[in-house]
Protein backbone atom coordinates (compact mmCIF):
# COMPACT_ATOMS: atom_id res chain seq x y z
CA MET A 1 145.22 -52.61 -52.78
CA MET A 2 148.51 -51.13 -51.68
CA VAL A 3 149.32 -53.51 -48.80
CA GLY A 4 151.77 -51.96 -46.38
CA LYS A 5 150.59 -48.42 -47.03
CA TYR A 6 149.00 -46.36 -44.28
CA ILE A 7 146.61 -43.42 -43.99
CA LEU A 8 147.16 -40.99 -41.12
CA SER A 9 143.79 -39.57 -40.14
CA ILE A 10 143.62 -36.39 -38.06
CA ASP A 11 140.44 -36.34 -35.96
CA GLN A 12 140.30 -32.86 -34.47
CA GLY A 13 137.44 -32.85 -31.96
CA THR A 14 135.81 -30.48 -29.51
CA THR A 15 137.76 -31.55 -26.43
CA SER A 16 140.85 -33.25 -27.85
CA SER A 17 142.96 -33.64 -30.96
CA ARG A 18 143.48 -37.21 -32.09
CA ALA A 19 145.32 -38.99 -34.86
CA VAL A 20 144.73 -42.55 -36.00
CA LEU A 21 147.02 -44.46 -38.35
CA PHE A 22 145.06 -46.98 -40.44
CA ASP A 23 146.50 -49.83 -42.45
CA SER A 24 145.15 -50.86 -45.85
CA PHE A 25 142.64 -53.23 -44.21
CA GLY A 26 141.09 -50.48 -42.08
CA GLY A 27 142.88 -51.67 -38.95
CA VAL A 28 144.29 -49.27 -36.36
CA ALA A 29 148.10 -49.38 -36.40
CA GLY A 30 148.78 -46.43 -34.12
CA MET A 31 146.96 -43.71 -32.23
CA GLY A 32 147.73 -40.41 -30.53
CA GLN A 33 145.57 -38.03 -28.52
CA LYS A 34 145.89 -34.88 -26.46
CA GLU A 35 143.19 -32.83 -24.76
CA PHE A 36 143.16 -29.04 -24.87
CA ARG A 37 141.63 -26.25 -22.82
CA GLN A 38 137.96 -25.31 -22.96
CA ILE A 39 137.47 -21.56 -22.55
CA TYR A 40 134.22 -20.08 -21.17
CA PRO A 41 134.62 -16.27 -21.02
CA GLN A 42 131.00 -15.79 -19.87
CA PRO A 43 127.76 -17.80 -19.78
CA GLY A 44 126.89 -19.11 -23.24
CA PHE A 45 130.34 -18.27 -24.70
CA VAL A 46 132.64 -21.16 -25.70
CA GLU A 47 136.13 -20.67 -27.18
CA HIS A 48 139.25 -22.62 -28.13
CA ASP A 49 142.85 -21.51 -28.62
CA ALA A 50 143.49 -22.30 -32.31
CA VAL A 51 147.25 -22.43 -31.77
CA GLN A 52 146.76 -25.00 -29.02
CA ILE A 53 144.55 -27.00 -31.39
CA LEU A 54 147.40 -27.04 -33.91
CA GLN A 55 149.98 -27.97 -31.27
CA THR A 56 147.89 -30.85 -29.90
CA THR A 57 147.22 -32.05 -33.45
CA LEU A 58 150.95 -32.17 -34.21
CA PHE A 59 151.54 -34.03 -30.94
CA ALA A 60 148.83 -36.60 -31.78
CA MET A 61 150.15 -37.13 -35.33
CA ARG A 62 153.68 -37.78 -34.14
CA GLN A 63 152.50 -40.00 -31.30
CA ALA A 64 150.41 -42.17 -33.66
CA VAL A 65 153.30 -42.59 -36.11
CA ALA A 66 155.78 -43.36 -33.31
CA GLN A 67 153.43 -45.90 -31.74
CA ALA A 68 153.12 -47.73 -35.06
CA GLY A 69 156.86 -47.64 -35.65
CA VAL A 70 156.53 -46.36 -39.22
CA THR A 71 158.04 -43.43 -41.09
CA ALA A 72 156.59 -40.76 -43.34
CA ALA A 73 157.61 -42.86 -46.34
CA ASP A 74 155.10 -45.53 -45.23
CA ILE A 75 152.18 -43.08 -45.20
CA ALA A 76 150.26 -42.80 -48.47
CA ALA A 77 148.18 -39.80 -47.40
CA ILE A 78 146.89 -37.67 -44.55
CA SER A 79 143.19 -37.06 -44.01
CA ILE A 80 141.43 -34.53 -41.82
CA THR A 81 138.10 -34.72 -40.06
CA ASN A 82 137.09 -32.04 -37.62
CA GLN A 83 134.65 -30.45 -35.23
CA ARG A 84 132.41 -28.45 -37.53
CA GLU A 85 131.23 -24.81 -37.46
CA THR A 86 134.00 -23.77 -35.04
CA THR A 87 135.47 -20.65 -36.61
CA VAL A 88 139.08 -19.44 -36.75
CA ALA A 89 140.21 -16.03 -38.04
CA TRP A 90 143.87 -15.41 -38.84
CA ASP A 91 146.34 -13.16 -40.65
CA ALA A 92 147.21 -14.55 -44.10
CA VAL A 93 150.75 -13.14 -43.87
CA THR A 94 151.78 -14.17 -40.36
CA GLY A 95 149.44 -17.16 -39.92
CA ILE A 96 148.60 -15.90 -36.41
CA PRO A 97 144.96 -16.04 -35.20
CA VAL A 98 143.44 -12.67 -34.33
CA CYS A 99 141.32 -14.08 -31.49
CA ASN A 100 140.27 -17.34 -29.92
CA ALA A 101 138.28 -19.70 -32.14
CA ILE A 102 134.53 -19.44 -31.56
CA VAL A 103 133.25 -22.97 -30.92
CA TRP A 104 130.18 -24.50 -32.53
CA GLN A 105 128.48 -24.66 -29.11
CA CYS A 106 128.83 -20.91 -28.55
CA ARG A 107 125.60 -18.92 -28.20
CA ARG A 108 127.02 -15.38 -28.44
CA THR A 109 125.32 -14.58 -31.75
CA ALA A 110 121.78 -15.30 -30.54
CA ALA A 111 120.74 -11.64 -30.95
CA GLU A 112 122.12 -11.54 -34.50
CA CYS A 113 120.14 -14.67 -35.34
CA GLU A 114 116.99 -13.05 -33.99
CA ARG A 115 117.64 -10.03 -36.23
CA LEU A 116 117.98 -12.25 -39.29
CA ARG A 117 114.66 -13.90 -38.46
CA ARG A 118 112.92 -10.55 -37.93
CA GLU A 119 114.20 -9.33 -41.28
CA GLY A 120 112.84 -12.36 -43.10
CA TRP A 121 115.98 -14.33 -43.93
CA GLU A 122 114.73 -17.74 -42.76
CA ASP A 123 113.34 -19.02 -46.05
CA TYR A 124 116.27 -17.79 -48.13
CA ILE A 125 118.83 -19.33 -45.79
CA ARG A 126 116.90 -22.59 -45.57
CA ASP A 127 116.43 -22.84 -49.34
CA THR A 128 120.02 -21.88 -50.18
CA THR A 129 122.10 -23.48 -47.44
CA GLY A 130 119.81 -26.22 -46.11
CA LEU A 131 120.26 -24.80 -42.60
CA ILE A 132 118.11 -22.99 -40.09
CA ILE A 133 119.18 -19.69 -38.53
CA ASP A 134 121.08 -20.52 -35.35
CA PRO A 135 124.29 -19.43 -33.55
CA TYR A 136 125.54 -23.00 -34.15
CA PHE A 137 126.72 -22.14 -37.65
CA SER A 138 129.82 -20.24 -38.72
CA GLY A 139 128.41 -17.25 -40.62
CA THR A 140 127.23 -15.23 -37.64
CA LYS A 141 130.46 -16.10 -35.78
CA MET A 142 132.46 -14.53 -38.63
CA LYS A 143 130.26 -11.44 -38.55
CA TRP A 144 130.74 -11.17 -34.76
CA ILE A 145 134.52 -11.32 -35.15
CA LEU A 146 134.47 -8.57 -37.79
CA GLU A 147 132.33 -6.38 -35.55
CA ASN A 148 134.12 -7.04 -32.25
CA VAL A 149 137.80 -7.70 -33.03
CA PRO A 150 139.51 -4.54 -34.38
CA ALA A 151 142.46 -6.53 -35.75
CA ALA A 152 140.08 -8.56 -37.89
CA ARG A 153 138.55 -5.42 -39.41
CA ASP A 154 142.02 -4.00 -40.13
CA LEU A 155 143.16 -7.20 -41.82
CA ALA A 156 139.94 -7.43 -43.84
CA ALA A 157 140.54 -3.91 -45.15
CA LYS A 158 144.03 -4.98 -46.28
CA GLY A 159 142.79 -8.24 -47.85
CA ARG A 160 144.79 -10.26 -45.31
CA LEU A 161 141.96 -11.73 -43.18
CA ARG A 162 141.31 -15.47 -43.46
CA PHE A 163 138.27 -17.23 -42.06
CA GLY A 164 138.05 -20.98 -41.83
CA THR A 165 136.60 -23.92 -40.01
CA ILE A 166 139.13 -26.14 -38.25
CA ASP A 167 139.90 -28.17 -41.39
CA ALA A 168 140.93 -25.03 -43.30
CA TRP A 169 143.04 -23.82 -40.36
CA LEU A 170 144.87 -27.16 -40.09
CA VAL A 171 145.52 -27.47 -43.84
CA TYR A 172 146.82 -23.88 -43.95
CA SER A 173 149.11 -24.56 -40.99
CA LEU A 174 150.31 -28.01 -42.09
CA THR A 175 151.17 -26.71 -45.58
CA ASP A 176 152.99 -23.61 -44.24
CA GLY A 177 150.32 -21.35 -45.70
CA GLU A 178 150.44 -22.85 -49.20
CA SER A 179 146.86 -24.19 -49.21
CA PHE A 180 143.75 -22.28 -48.12
CA VAL A 181 140.96 -24.76 -48.69
CA THR A 182 137.92 -26.42 -47.13
CA ASP A 183 135.72 -29.23 -48.40
CA VAL A 184 132.05 -29.18 -49.40
CA SER A 185 130.85 -30.86 -46.20
CA ASN A 186 132.46 -28.23 -43.96
CA ALA A 187 131.44 -25.39 -46.29
CA SER A 188 127.84 -26.57 -46.07
CA ARG A 189 127.89 -25.85 -42.31
CA THR A 190 128.77 -22.16 -42.51
CA MET A 191 125.31 -20.75 -43.43
CA LEU A 192 127.12 -19.04 -46.34
CA PHE A 193 127.29 -21.87 -48.90
CA ASP A 194 124.81 -22.66 -51.68
CA ILE A 195 124.47 -26.45 -51.40
CA HIS A 196 122.79 -26.67 -54.82
CA ARG A 197 125.25 -24.60 -56.89
CA LEU A 198 128.21 -25.63 -54.66
CA ARG A 199 129.59 -22.12 -54.19
CA TRP A 200 129.73 -19.30 -51.65
CA ASP A 201 126.51 -17.28 -51.88
CA ASP A 202 127.09 -13.63 -52.80
CA LYS A 203 123.85 -12.41 -51.24
CA LEU A 204 124.72 -13.94 -47.87
CA LEU A 205 128.33 -12.73 -47.99
CA THR A 206 127.05 -9.20 -48.57
CA GLU A 207 124.53 -9.44 -45.73
CA PHE A 208 127.15 -10.74 -43.30
CA GLY A 209 129.83 -8.32 -44.51
CA ILE A 210 132.30 -11.11 -45.23
CA PRO A 211 134.86 -10.53 -48.02
CA ARG A 212 134.97 -13.41 -50.49
CA GLU A 213 138.79 -13.48 -50.41
CA ALA A 214 138.60 -14.21 -46.67
CA LEU A 215 136.98 -17.58 -47.40
CA PRO A 216 138.77 -20.73 -48.59
CA ARG A 217 138.51 -22.55 -51.90
CA VAL A 218 135.95 -25.35 -51.70
CA ALA A 219 137.28 -28.78 -52.67
CA GLU A 220 135.83 -32.27 -52.98
CA SER A 221 135.98 -34.48 -49.88
CA GLY A 222 138.45 -36.72 -51.68
CA GLU A 223 141.07 -34.54 -53.37
CA ILE A 224 144.75 -33.77 -52.89
CA VAL A 225 144.51 -30.27 -51.42
CA GLY A 226 148.14 -29.75 -50.48
CA MET A 227 151.34 -31.30 -49.18
CA CYS A 228 152.00 -31.57 -45.46
CA SER A 229 155.31 -29.87 -44.66
CA PRO A 230 158.29 -32.20 -44.11
CA ASP A 231 158.82 -30.40 -40.79
CA VAL A 232 155.83 -32.29 -39.38
CA LEU A 233 156.79 -35.94 -39.92
CA GLY A 234 160.07 -35.84 -41.85
CA ALA A 235 158.81 -35.89 -45.45
CA GLU A 236 156.09 -34.35 -47.58
CA ILE A 237 152.80 -36.28 -47.48
CA PRO A 238 149.70 -35.44 -49.55
CA ILE A 239 146.61 -34.26 -47.68
CA ALA A 240 143.99 -36.13 -49.70
CA GLY A 241 140.73 -36.37 -47.75
CA MET A 242 138.67 -33.89 -45.72
CA ALA A 243 135.20 -33.99 -44.21
CA GLY A 244 133.36 -32.64 -41.19
CA ASP A 245 133.27 -35.17 -38.39
CA GLN A 246 129.66 -36.28 -38.78
CA HIS A 247 129.91 -36.63 -42.56
CA ALA A 248 133.10 -38.65 -42.12
CA ALA A 249 131.38 -40.89 -39.57
CA LEU A 250 128.50 -41.55 -41.99
CA PHE A 251 131.09 -42.57 -44.59
CA GLY A 252 133.11 -44.60 -42.07
CA GLN A 253 129.93 -46.48 -41.10
CA CYS A 254 129.65 -47.39 -44.82
CA CYS A 255 126.22 -45.77 -45.06
CA PHE A 256 126.69 -45.49 -48.82
CA ALA A 257 123.07 -46.22 -49.81
CA PRO A 258 120.12 -43.82 -49.42
CA GLY A 259 118.15 -44.56 -46.25
CA MET A 260 121.13 -45.79 -44.20
CA ALA A 261 121.68 -43.87 -40.96
CA LYS A 262 124.15 -43.53 -38.09
CA ASN A 263 124.32 -41.79 -34.73
CA THR A 264 127.59 -40.50 -33.30
CA TYR A 265 127.72 -40.12 -29.52
CA GLY A 266 130.46 -37.55 -29.05
CA THR A 267 130.35 -34.21 -27.31
CA GLY A 268 126.91 -33.96 -28.90
CA CYS A 269 124.70 -36.50 -30.68
CA PHE A 270 124.44 -36.39 -34.45
CA VAL A 271 122.11 -38.55 -36.49
CA LEU A 272 122.71 -38.50 -40.25
CA MET A 273 120.79 -40.29 -42.99
CA ASN A 274 122.09 -40.67 -46.54
CA THR A 275 119.49 -39.22 -48.94
CA GLY A 276 121.39 -39.84 -52.17
CA ASN A 277 122.04 -37.31 -54.94
CA LYS A 278 119.11 -35.01 -54.09
CA PRO A 279 118.77 -32.75 -51.05
CA VAL A 280 115.65 -33.40 -48.94
CA LYS A 281 114.08 -30.29 -47.48
CA SER A 282 113.00 -30.63 -43.85
CA GLU A 283 109.85 -29.12 -42.40
CA ASN A 284 110.51 -30.19 -38.81
CA GLY A 285 113.86 -28.79 -37.75
CA LEU A 286 116.30 -31.17 -39.41
CA LEU A 287 119.16 -29.87 -41.52
CA THR A 288 119.81 -30.58 -45.17
CA THR A 289 123.52 -30.95 -45.63
CA ILE A 290 126.14 -32.19 -48.07
CA ALA A 291 127.40 -35.59 -46.92
CA TRP A 292 130.40 -35.66 -49.28
CA LYS A 293 131.51 -35.08 -52.84
CA LEU A 294 133.68 -37.70 -54.53
CA GLU A 295 134.72 -38.00 -58.18
CA GLY A 296 132.36 -35.20 -59.17
CA ARG A 297 129.29 -36.75 -57.49
CA THR A 298 127.60 -34.99 -54.58
CA THR A 299 125.79 -37.01 -51.89
CA TYR A 300 123.36 -35.30 -49.52
CA ALA A 301 122.12 -36.13 -46.03
CA LEU A 302 119.49 -35.20 -43.48
CA GLU A 303 120.92 -34.37 -40.07
CA GLY A 304 119.57 -34.03 -36.58
CA SER A 305 121.89 -32.50 -33.98
CA ALA A 306 121.76 -32.53 -30.18
CA PHE A 307 124.42 -30.22 -28.76
CA ASN A 308 125.24 -32.04 -25.52
CA ALA A 309 125.66 -35.78 -25.03
CA GLY A 310 129.12 -36.97 -23.99
CA SER A 311 129.63 -33.48 -22.55
CA ALA A 312 126.93 -34.36 -19.98
CA ILE A 313 129.00 -37.33 -18.81
CA GLN A 314 132.05 -35.03 -18.62
CA TRP A 315 129.92 -32.67 -16.51
CA LEU A 316 129.26 -35.48 -14.03
CA ARG A 317 133.02 -36.06 -13.84
CA ASP A 318 134.58 -32.60 -14.07
CA GLU A 319 132.05 -30.16 -12.62
CA LEU A 320 130.13 -32.34 -10.14
CA GLY A 321 132.89 -34.79 -9.24
CA LEU A 322 130.40 -37.66 -9.00
CA ILE A 323 132.49 -40.03 -11.12
CA LYS A 324 136.16 -40.39 -12.00
CA THR A 325 135.73 -42.11 -15.37
CA PRO A 326 132.87 -42.37 -17.91
CA GLN A 327 132.80 -46.13 -17.27
CA GLU A 328 131.88 -45.42 -13.65
CA ALA A 329 128.67 -43.72 -14.79
CA ASP A 330 127.75 -46.89 -16.64
CA LEU A 331 128.40 -49.09 -13.61
CA LEU A 332 126.46 -46.81 -11.27
CA ALA A 333 123.49 -46.59 -13.65
CA GLU A 334 123.21 -50.38 -13.66
CA THR A 335 122.96 -50.53 -9.85
CA VAL A 336 119.45 -49.02 -9.88
CA ASP A 337 116.29 -50.26 -11.61
CA ASP A 338 115.35 -46.81 -12.88
CA ALA A 339 116.25 -43.14 -12.47
CA GLY A 340 114.09 -42.82 -9.36
CA GLY A 341 111.75 -40.34 -11.01
CA VAL A 342 114.64 -38.04 -11.98
CA SER A 343 114.64 -36.49 -15.46
CA PHE A 344 117.63 -34.66 -16.91
CA VAL A 345 117.73 -32.42 -20.00
CA PRO A 346 121.33 -31.73 -21.16
CA ALA A 347 120.59 -28.32 -22.71
CA PHE A 348 123.77 -26.66 -21.42
CA THR A 349 124.10 -24.60 -24.60
CA GLY A 350 120.51 -24.71 -25.84
CA LEU A 351 118.53 -27.36 -27.69
CA GLY A 352 119.21 -28.49 -31.24
CA ALA A 353 116.84 -30.43 -33.48
CA PRO A 354 113.91 -30.62 -33.56
CA TYR A 355 113.42 -27.76 -31.02
CA TRP A 356 116.15 -25.25 -31.97
CA ASP A 357 115.83 -23.21 -28.79
CA MET A 358 119.03 -21.25 -28.19
CA TYR A 359 117.65 -20.02 -24.86
CA ALA A 360 116.97 -23.49 -23.40
CA ARG A 361 119.22 -24.52 -20.51
CA GLY A 362 119.93 -27.76 -18.68
CA ALA A 363 117.24 -29.04 -16.32
CA LEU A 364 117.34 -31.59 -13.50
CA LEU A 365 113.83 -32.47 -12.36
CA GLY A 366 112.22 -34.86 -9.87
CA VAL A 367 115.07 -34.80 -7.32
CA THR A 368 114.21 -36.01 -3.79
CA ARG A 369 116.21 -36.76 -0.64
CA GLY A 370 116.28 -40.34 -1.84
CA THR A 371 118.06 -39.39 -5.09
CA THR A 372 121.55 -40.89 -5.29
CA LYS A 373 124.43 -40.35 -7.66
CA ALA A 374 123.46 -43.65 -9.29
CA HIS A 375 120.06 -42.13 -10.14
CA LEU A 376 121.74 -39.02 -11.53
CA CYS A 377 124.13 -41.08 -13.67
CA ARG A 378 121.25 -43.14 -15.02
CA ALA A 379 119.19 -40.03 -15.76
CA VAL A 380 122.09 -38.46 -17.66
CA LEU A 381 122.72 -41.59 -19.74
CA GLU A 382 119.00 -41.98 -20.45
CA SER A 383 118.82 -38.34 -21.59
CA ILE A 384 121.36 -39.04 -24.34
CA ALA A 385 119.22 -41.88 -25.70
CA LEU A 386 116.04 -39.84 -25.33
CA GLU A 387 117.33 -36.82 -27.27
CA SER A 388 118.54 -39.26 -29.94
CA TYR A 389 115.04 -40.73 -30.04
CA ASP A 390 113.68 -37.31 -30.99
CA LEU A 391 116.23 -37.01 -33.80
CA VAL A 392 115.58 -40.49 -35.25
CA LYS A 393 111.79 -40.22 -35.11
CA THR A 394 111.83 -36.78 -36.74
CA MET A 395 114.10 -38.18 -39.47
CA GLU A 396 111.74 -41.10 -40.11
CA GLN A 397 108.85 -38.64 -40.37
CA GLU A 398 110.72 -36.34 -42.78
CA SER A 399 112.03 -39.07 -45.06
CA GLY A 400 108.94 -41.26 -44.96
CA THR A 401 111.30 -44.17 -44.31
CA PRO A 402 111.61 -46.17 -41.06
CA ILE A 403 115.11 -46.73 -39.75
CA PRO A 404 115.15 -50.40 -38.71
CA GLU A 405 118.87 -50.35 -37.91
CA LEU A 406 120.85 -47.52 -36.35
CA ARG A 407 124.63 -47.74 -36.71
CA VAL A 408 126.37 -46.14 -33.75
CA ASP A 409 129.83 -44.81 -32.95
CA GLY A 410 131.60 -42.25 -30.80
CA GLY A 411 133.00 -42.51 -27.30
CA ALA A 412 129.69 -42.91 -25.46
CA SER A 413 128.67 -45.79 -27.73
CA ARG A 414 131.05 -47.90 -25.63
CA SER A 415 128.44 -47.75 -22.86
CA ARG A 416 126.56 -51.05 -22.84
CA PHE A 417 123.82 -49.50 -20.71
CA LEU A 418 123.33 -46.53 -23.05
CA MET A 419 123.23 -48.65 -26.20
CA GLN A 420 120.72 -51.10 -24.73
CA TYR A 421 118.52 -48.24 -23.52
CA GLN A 422 118.80 -46.65 -26.97
CA ALA A 423 117.48 -49.83 -28.59
CA ASP A 424 114.75 -50.08 -25.95
CA ILE A 425 113.52 -46.50 -26.32
CA LEU A 426 113.68 -46.58 -30.13
CA ASP A 427 112.17 -50.07 -30.30
CA SER A 428 114.66 -50.89 -33.06
CA LYS A 429 118.05 -52.55 -33.54
CA VAL A 430 121.26 -50.71 -32.66
CA CYS A 431 124.51 -51.91 -34.29
CA ARG A 432 127.96 -51.05 -32.99
CA PRO A 433 130.93 -51.76 -35.31
CA GLN A 434 134.22 -53.36 -34.37
CA CYS A 435 136.03 -50.12 -35.18
CA LEU A 436 134.59 -47.27 -33.16
CA GLU A 437 137.01 -44.84 -34.80
CA THR A 438 134.50 -44.39 -37.61
CA THR A 439 134.97 -40.63 -37.86
CA ALA A 440 138.71 -40.97 -38.39
CA LEU A 441 138.16 -44.05 -40.58
CA GLY A 442 135.67 -42.22 -42.81
CA SER A 443 138.06 -39.45 -43.77
CA ALA A 444 140.87 -42.01 -44.12
CA MET A 445 138.69 -43.95 -46.55
CA MET A 446 138.14 -40.79 -48.61
CA ALA A 447 141.87 -40.13 -48.74
CA GLY A 448 142.59 -43.78 -49.51
CA LEU A 449 140.21 -43.73 -52.46
CA THR A 450 141.93 -40.59 -53.73
CA VAL A 451 145.46 -42.01 -53.68
CA GLY A 452 144.58 -45.58 -54.67
CA VAL A 453 144.85 -47.48 -51.38
CA TRP A 454 141.26 -48.62 -52.04
CA ASP A 455 139.51 -48.88 -55.39
CA SER A 456 135.77 -48.72 -54.70
CA LEU A 457 132.94 -48.24 -52.20
CA GLU A 458 132.25 -51.96 -52.44
CA GLU A 459 135.77 -52.71 -51.26
CA LEU A 460 135.35 -50.26 -48.38
CA ALA A 461 131.99 -51.78 -47.37
CA SER A 462 133.75 -55.10 -46.77
CA ILE A 463 135.84 -53.45 -44.04
CA TRP A 464 132.79 -52.72 -41.82
CA LYS A 465 132.18 -55.46 -39.22
CA GLU A 466 129.69 -55.70 -36.36
CA ASN A 467 130.96 -55.77 -32.80
CA ALA A 468 127.64 -55.86 -30.94
CA VAL A 469 123.94 -55.75 -31.74
CA PHE A 470 121.42 -54.45 -29.20
CA GLN A 471 117.84 -55.64 -29.64
CA PRO A 472 114.91 -53.84 -27.97
CA ASP A 473 113.53 -55.54 -24.86
CA TYR A 474 111.38 -53.04 -22.98
CA ASP A 475 107.87 -52.82 -21.63
CA PRO A 476 105.83 -50.61 -24.03
CA ALA A 477 103.99 -48.88 -21.18
CA ARG A 478 107.28 -48.00 -19.48
CA ARG A 479 108.65 -46.69 -22.78
CA GLU A 480 105.70 -44.32 -23.13
CA GLN A 481 106.11 -43.19 -19.52
CA ASP A 482 109.82 -42.45 -20.06
CA LEU A 483 109.09 -40.49 -23.24
CA ALA A 484 106.31 -38.47 -21.59
CA ARG A 485 108.58 -37.54 -18.67
CA TRP A 486 111.37 -36.59 -21.08
CA HIS A 487 109.18 -34.34 -23.23
CA GLU A 488 107.76 -32.65 -20.14
CA GLY A 489 111.32 -31.93 -19.00
CA VAL A 490 112.24 -30.52 -22.41
CA GLN A 491 109.30 -28.12 -22.29
CA ARG A 492 110.33 -26.89 -18.85
CA SER A 493 113.92 -26.27 -20.01
CA MET A 494 112.94 -24.20 -23.04
CA GLY A 495 113.38 -20.43 -22.99
CA TRP A 496 115.04 -20.55 -19.55
CA ALA A 497 117.82 -18.05 -20.39
CA LYS A 498 115.18 -15.50 -21.43
CA ARG A 499 113.71 -15.60 -17.94
CA GLN A 500 116.91 -14.41 -16.28
């Protein structure tokens, strides 16, 4: 172990850019964070300014290093983990984006997804990419940009267009355009990547009209992909680890063995289960995805995604003004014995697994004159655990393996109320680690393995420590009542946008 060496992990998320500096024992030595603007041009559309993402990332990196009081010479490597599926298009010569990034939550390509289904692409896309057809993924976003942004078409004709997920955009920018690369985990989320042959699929590229040269080289999750410019931190530093945020969190939770699972409570909820060296095909709306590739070995995972979780708590704060901090929602929820008959479905941008309804919308049901903001806060927090219940139970059904222990992370996992209710509704143990920065830690671990800060998975597993364990303690009849009310609410939310 290289004591005294650090890994700087960029954690570029949906609402903020963060950077965490880890020491060689997995401890947090410094941290930086800066939020950026959410852009909603019209209902169902979600965008980010890619330049602002880069600027906030640079700010967070420098803040983390300054807080720790170290220099670039003390940093062994940089790693990147990122919001997945969000798509950036830019000019290879100038490095300037041609439009706002289209965010993973965006529903603008719903009609294109319907066309693909009508024309019989579902089985091919499922068998090749492990994904279902949904606006969530990057492929239809790229096609939309080509069809709706004239500058993108012009650049494509000249061979100068570049498409990438956020990891590719950051690497390109941090290396001054020297490296155009993504990793297998991010590539597996585009709906364009063959997860069996580990290459871009020619048939899908032709169907979507995407030039191959517009897409990045696909690297392992642990690989030196380029050198960060000295302009960023004062000296060149290798970029040595990359993974999509949920894949990185699975790794950071040390779910190295098949059957181990985690749930990340971020903007959305994402349950991933390690399935080993073979992809498991889902019949009930889960995704088959590449977890990571290290030292030539590919590990696969099953994934269940719920699009809105922590974003529902932000909604209580920012749009409704009912709370000032997320912690306040927790405190209010604990002042009432139940949600007062209120049921909330956080389908702001549709429903993910196992429903995959891009026309579902949020629903608030059972409201009376006696409903208080405490009831609403409790209903919102309960909805996050209930949608996670659907993901976990579907995963158990698909894999044929019960999940006796769910490892949890993400901002909302700090909520004692939510974690206890999660254990209660699942009727199984929920484990929260000491380090909740598991997404950033996971990509840092990958980079650290690459440059020799750590030697093995066994050494990494020793870093993981429990912070809290939540055991189920709930009346079975009440559990069934809560689940029945939740599933009734889900049914009422489905297809809502089609009724307008």
